[in-house]
C-alpha atoms as a PDB file:
ATOM      1  CA  UNK A   1       9.286 -42.318   1.040  1.00  0.00           C
ATOM      2  CA  UNK A   2      11.043 -43.156  -2.200  1.00  0.00           C
ATOM      3  CA  UNK A   3      10.821 -40.662  -5.032  1.00  0.00           C
ATOM      4  CA  UNK A   4       9.687 -43.379  -7.384  1.00  0.00           C
ATOM      5  CA  UNK A   5       6.476 -43.958  -5.442  1.00  0.00           C
ATOM      6  CA  UNK A   6       5.715 -40.243  -4.921  1.00  0.00           C
ATOM      7  CA  UNK A   7       3.051 -38.444  -6.882  1.00  0.00           C
ATOM      8  CA  UNK A   8       4.185 -35.814  -9.337  1.00  0.00           C
ATOM      9  CA  UNK A   9       3.208 -32.832  -7.168  1.00  0.00           C
ATOM     10  CA  UNK A  10       4.954 -34.382  -4.139  1.00  0.00           C
ATOM     11  CA  UNK A  11       8.152 -34.842  -6.167  1.00  0.00           C
ATOM     12  CA  UNK A  12       7.937 -31.277  -7.413  1.00  0.00           C
ATOM     13  CA  UNK A  13       7.499 -29.940  -3.848  1.00  0.00           C
ATOM     14  CA  UNK A  14      10.478 -31.978  -2.662  1.00  0.00           C
ATOM     15  CA  UNK A  15      12.679 -30.751  -5.507  1.00  0.00           C
ATOM     16  CA  UNK A  16      11.649 -27.132  -4.843  1.00  0.00           C
ATOM     17  CA  UNK A  17      12.515 -27.522  -1.180  1.00  0.00           C
ATOM     18  CA  UNK A  18      15.908 -29.073  -1.987  1.00  0.00           C
ATOM     19  CA  UNK A  19      16.678 -26.441  -4.618  1.00  0.00           C
ATOM     20  CA  UNK A  20      15.727 -23.552  -2.342  1.00  0.00           C
ATOM     21  CA  UNK A  21      13.044 -22.247  -4.671  1.00  0.00           C
ATOM     22  CA  UNK A  22      10.322 -22.900  -2.112  1.00  0.00           C
ATOM     23  CA  UNK A  23      11.867 -20.336   0.252  1.00  0.00           C
ATOM     24  CA  UNK A  24      12.269 -17.917  -2.666  1.00  0.00           C
ATOM     25  CA  UNK A  25       8.612 -18.281  -3.649  1.00  0.00           C
ATOM     26  CA  UNK A  26       7.439 -17.767  -0.057  1.00  0.00           C
ATOM     27  CA  UNK A  27       9.547 -14.631   0.345  1.00  0.00           C
ATOM     28  CA  UNK A  28       8.412 -13.349  -3.033  1.00  0.00           C
ATOM     29  CA  UNK A  29       4.774 -13.750  -2.026  1.00  0.00           C
ATOM     30  CA  UNK A  30       5.431 -11.895   1.236  1.00  0.00           C
ATOM     31  CA  UNK A  31       7.242  -9.111  -0.627  1.00  0.00           C
ATOM     32  CA  UNK A  32       4.416  -8.719  -3.129  1.00  0.00           C
ATOM     33  CA  UNK A  33       1.911  -8.489  -0.268  1.00  0.00           C
ATOM     34  CA  UNK A  34       3.978  -5.783   1.460  1.00  0.00           C
ATOM     35  CA  UNK A  35       4.322  -3.878  -1.814  1.00  0.00           C
ATOM     36  CA  UNK A  36       0.554  -3.998  -2.367  1.00  0.00           C
ATOM     37  CA  UNK A  37      -0.116  -2.733   1.175  1.00  0.00           C
ATOM     38  CA  UNK A  38       2.451   0.033   0.730  1.00  0.00           C
ATOM     39  CA  UNK A  39       0.875   1.127  -2.547  1.00  0.00           C
ATOM     40  CA  UNK A  40      -2.525   1.318  -0.847  1.00  0.00           C
ATOM     41  CA  UNK A  41      -1.099   3.444   1.949  1.00  0.00           C
ATOM     42  CA  UNK A  42       0.670   5.710  -0.550  1.00  0.00           C
ATOM     43  CA  UNK A  43      -2.566   6.297  -2.453  1.00  0.00           C
ATOM     44  CA  UNK A  44      -4.414   7.066   0.788  1.00  0.00           C
ATOM     45  CA  UNK A  45      -1.728   9.569   1.814  1.00  0.00           C
ATOM     46  CA  UNK A  46      -1.947  11.254  -1.592  1.00  0.00           C
ATOM     47  CA  UNK A  47      -5.731  11.563  -1.205  1.00  0.00           C
ATOM     48  CA  UNK A  48      -5.397  13.178   2.206  1.00  0.00           C
ATOM     49  CA  UNK A  49      -2.491  15.471   1.363  1.00  0.00           C
ATOM     50  CA  UNK A  50      -3.487  16.654  -2.108  1.00  0.00           C
ATOM     51  CA  UNK A  51      -5.518  19.871  -2.208  1.00  0.00           C
ATOM     52  CA  UNK A  52      -8.701  20.224  -4.176  1.00  0.00           C
ATOM     53  CA  UNK A  53     -12.162  18.720  -4.335  1.00  0.00           C
ATOM     54  CA  UNK A  54     -11.044  15.542  -2.592  1.00  0.00           C
ATOM     55  CA  UNK A  55     -10.426  17.579   0.538  1.00  0.00           C
ATOM     56  CA  UNK A  56     -14.050  18.727   0.491  1.00  0.00           C
ATOM     57  CA  UNK A  57     -15.157  15.116   0.353  1.00  0.00           C
ATOM     58  CA  UNK A  58     -12.951  14.164   3.291  1.00  0.00           C
ATOM     59  CA  UNK A  59     -13.780  17.051   5.603  1.00  0.00           C
ATOM     60  CA  UNK A  60     -15.881  19.934   4.234  1.00  0.00           C
ATOM     61  CA  UNK A  61     -16.102  21.719   7.609  1.00  0.00           C
ATOM     62  CA  UNK A  62     -12.370  21.575   8.244  1.00  0.00           C
ATOM     63  CA  UNK A  63     -11.639  22.764   4.728  1.00  0.00           C
ATOM     64  CA  UNK A  64     -13.985  25.730   5.125  1.00  0.00           C
ATOM     65  CA  UNK A  65     -12.227  26.653   8.386  1.00  0.00           C
ATOM     66  CA  UNK A  66      -8.842  26.451   6.702  1.00  0.00           C
ATOM     67  CA  UNK A  67     -10.059  28.691   3.864  1.00  0.00           C
ATOM     68  CA  UNK A  68     -11.487  31.180   6.340  1.00  0.00           C
ATOM     69  CA  UNK A  69      -8.217  31.266   8.322  1.00  0.00           C
ATOM     70  CA  UNK A  70      -6.191  31.833   5.175  1.00  0.00           C
ATOM     71  CA  UNK A  71      -8.494  34.662   4.113  1.00  0.00           C
ATOM     72  CA  UNK A  72      -8.234  36.367   7.491  1.00  0.00           C
ATOM     73  CA  UNK A  73      -4.438  36.025   7.489  1.00  0.00           C
ATOM     74  CA  UNK A  74      -4.253  37.312   3.925  1.00  0.00           C
ATOM     75  CA  UNK A  75      -6.417  40.346   4.755  1.00  0.00           C
ATOM     76  CA  UNK A  76      -4.313  41.033   7.864  1.00  0.00           C
ATOM     77  CA  UNK A  77      -1.115  40.902   5.807  1.00  0.00           C
ATOM     78  CA  UNK A  78      -2.458  43.486   3.319  1.00  0.00           C
ATOM     79  CA  UNK A  79      -3.769  45.871   5.976  1.00  0.00           C
END
């Protein structure tokens, strides 16, 4: 197909492909997606690892058991 008979968007796509920018744009989109997923995972890890009220929301029974264990160990250490 001759470039003169192509529509504008078809010409632009062809020029991007020839210039290598199409590959760049595809890889950039993939990279941004991976970065977004990684950020979501990082935030989730911070929520799970950080102490405080969030831990009560995640697992109040487990947190109470951890507090009880720490108290028993602390009392044993001072005895």
